[in-house]
Structure formats: structure tokens, C-alpha cells
Protein backbone atom coordinates (compact mmCIF):
# COMPACT_ATOMS: atom_id res chain seq x y z
CA UNK A 1 0.00 0.00 0.00
CA UNK A 2 1.37 3.38 -1.05
CA UNK A 3 0.88 6.40 1.25
CA UNK A 4 -0.20 8.69 -1.60
CA UNK A 5 -2.72 6.10 -2.78
CA UNK A 6 -4.13 5.74 0.73
CA UNK A 7 -4.48 9.50 1.19
CA UNK A 8 -5.96 9.82 -2.31
CA UNK A 9 -8.53 7.13 -1.50
CA UNK A 10 -9.53 9.05 1.63
CA UNK A 11 -9.64 12.31 -0.29
CA UNK A 12 -11.86 10.77 -2.98
CA UNK A 13 -14.38 9.58 -0.35
CA UNK A 14 -14.63 12.91 1.51
CA UNK A 15 -14.82 16.64 0.96
CA UNK A 16 -11.56 17.07 2.87
CA UNK A 17 -8.51 18.74 1.31
CA UNK A 18 -5.44 16.60 0.54
CA UNK A 19 -3.73 17.97 3.65
CA UNK A 20 -6.77 17.22 5.82
CA UNK A 21 -7.00 13.75 4.23
CA UNK A 22 -3.36 13.10 5.15
CA UNK A 23 -3.94 14.39 8.69
CA UNK A 24 -7.05 12.26 9.25
CA UNK A 25 -5.31 9.21 7.81
CA UNK A 26 -2.44 9.59 10.27
CA UNK A 27 -4.80 10.29 13.16
CA UNK A 28 -7.01 7.26 12.45
CA UNK A 29 -4.05 4.91 12.09
CA UNK A 30 -2.45 6.15 15.32
CA UNK A 31 -5.71 5.92 17.26
CA UNK A 32 -6.46 2.51 15.77
CA UNK A 33 -3.03 1.21 16.79
CA UNK A 34 -3.75 2.42 20.34
CA UNK A 35 -6.80 0.16 20.50
CA UNK A 36 -5.74 -3.13 18.99
CA UNK A 37 -3.35 -5.65 20.50
CA UNK A 38 0.38 -5.19 20.20
CA UNK A 39 0.58 -7.98 17.62
CA UNK A 40 -2.15 -6.51 15.42
CA UNK A 41 -0.61 -3.04 15.66
CA UNK A 42 2.70 -4.49 14.46
CA UNK A 43 0.96 -6.36 11.65
CA UNK A 44 -0.83 -3.16 10.58
CA UNK A 45 2.43 -1.20 10.69
CA UNK A 46 4.07 -3.77 8.41
CA UNK A 47 1.20 -3.47 5.91
CA UNK A 48 1.39 0.32 5.76
CA UNK A 49 3.76 2.55 3.80
CA UNK A 50 7.08 2.76 5.62
CA UNK A 51 6.64 6.31 6.96
CA UNK A 52 3.18 5.56 8.39
CA UNK A 53 4.27 2.20 9.76
CA UNK A 54 7.22 3.77 11.56
CA UNK A 55 4.91 6.33 13.17
CA UNK A 56 2.70 3.55 14.50
CA UNK A 57 5.68 1.78 16.04
CA UNK A 58 6.72 4.99 17.79
CA UNK A 59 3.17 5.66 18.97
CA UNK A 60 2.83 2.34 20.82
CA UNK A 61 2.59 3.01 24.54
CA UNK A 62 0.50 0.12 25.76
CA UNK A 63 1.03 -3.46 26.75
CA UNK A 64 -0.12 -6.55 24.87
CA UNK A 65 -3.94 -6.66 24.86
CA UNK A 66 -6.54 -4.79 22.87
CA UNK A 67 -8.24 -1.80 24.48
CA UNK A 68 -11.11 -0.89 22.15
CA UNK A 69 -13.26 2.19 22.69
CA UNK A 70 -16.69 3.09 21.37
CA UNK A 71 -16.72 4.42 17.82
CA UNK A 72 -18.14 7.79 18.96
CA UNK A 73 -15.18 8.27 21.33
CA UNK A 74 -12.80 7.14 18.59
CA UNK A 75 -14.19 9.67 16.10
CA UNK A 76 -13.97 12.43 18.73
CA UNK A 77 -10.32 11.56 19.47
CA UNK A 78 -9.46 11.44 15.78
CA UNK A 79 -11.13 14.82 15.22
CA UNK A 80 -9.09 16.33 18.05
CA UNK A 81 -5.85 14.86 16.71
CA UNK A 82 -6.54 16.08 13.16
CA UNK A 83 -8.12 19.42 14.12
CA UNK A 84 -11.38 18.65 12.29
CA UNK A 85 -15.05 19.09 13.11
CA UNK A 86 -17.04 16.10 14.34
CA UNK A 87 -18.73 15.64 10.95
CA UNK A 88 -15.40 15.88 9.09
CA UNK A 89 -13.80 13.45 11.54
CA UNK A 90 -16.64 10.95 11.14
CA UNK A 91 -16.51 11.09 7.34
CA UNK A 92 -12.71 10.96 7.34
CA UNK A 93 -12.56 8.07 9.81
CA UNK A 94 -15.04 6.08 7.73
CA UNK A 95 -13.03 6.84 4.58
CA UNK A 96 -9.73 5.72 6.13
CA UNK A 97 -11.25 2.48 7.42
CA UNK A 98 -12.91 1.83 4.05
CA UNK A 99 -9.59 2.45 2.26
CA UNK A 100 -7.86 0.04 4.64
CA UNK A 101 -10.53 -2.57 3.96
CA UNK A 102 -9.72 -2.33 0.25
CA UNK A 103 -5.95 -2.18 0.66
CA UNK A 104 -5.40 -4.94 3.23
CA UNK A 105 -6.03 -8.62 2.78
CA UNK A 106 -9.36 -9.83 4.10
CA UNK A 107 -7.54 -11.71 6.89
CA UNK A 108 -5.45 -8.72 7.97
CA UNK A 109 -8.43 -6.38 7.95
CA UNK A 110 -10.52 -8.96 9.80
CA UNK A 111 -7.88 -9.38 12.50
CA UNK A 112 -7.91 -5.66 13.19
CA UNK A 113 -11.66 -5.09 13.08
CA UNK A 114 -12.28 -8.27 15.04
CA UNK A 115 -10.82 -6.48 18.06
CA UNK A 116 -13.15 -3.49 17.70
CA UNK A 117 -16.82 -2.95 18.65
CA UNK A 118 -19.47 -3.47 15.93
CA UNK A 119 -19.90 0.29 15.46
CA UNK A 120 -16.70 0.41 13.43
CA UNK A 121 -18.06 -1.98 10.82
CA UNK A 122 -21.26 0.06 10.59
CA UNK A 123 -19.19 3.22 10.10
CA UNK A 124 -17.25 1.64 7.23
CA UNK A 125 -20.42 0.32 5.62
CA UNK A 126 -21.89 3.82 5.66
CA UNK A 127 -18.82 5.08 3.75
CA UNK A 128 -18.97 2.38 1.09
């Protein structure tokens, strides 16, 4: 997966600028890595473009297990990290997750989303 292609996919699904699309992509990936288990965060980092993967490795602050949060809290956190409104953050988060679903193998995407509450799947379905 190429970073430009990932950001372009997010940009195409939202009304965000390219810069905002890049910011929301980074914010979603960092916040996602904070929720999933250490192993899944490492797997995700390996599947991402090198620069994004390295950021996820640096961002890891937790121990082994998954610590999922409700999708509404996740969207709020992402919006704060990216400096976007709630509506922009929701649309951007959905777009990043939808782009990941397309870019990752079904198994890799399933491992990540399997550690998250059902609201995440509903968010992605709304963006598709």
C-alpha cells in the first residue's frame, strides 16, 4: 500500500482537502493502533507505507492486549488529533477504514476489526 494512494482514496471519499486527508489518515491509524493488540498493531504497521508504519511503532505506549473504545469516542479523538469538526472526523474516519478494507487482505483487515466494537463496521459500511 502506497501512502499517496491511501491518502488519495480518503480524499476521494470525503470533501476534505489533501492535507486534511493526510492528517485524518495519520490520526485514524495512530488511534487505531492504540486500541488493537500489540501484535495486530505491528501487523498493521508492516502493511502500511514505511513512513506511516514507523509512526505507529513509535506511537505504541501500551502493553499486549486490545483496548477498544466506542466508535463515537474514537471519532472524537481522531477529530481532536486532526483538528477537524465532528462531521469531518466521522466522514474521514469512515473513509480511512474503508480504504484500509480495500488495501489490506481480508484476513489482515478482519484481525484488526475483530478487536473493535461493531460500530466500526457500521461506520465503514456507511462510507462504502
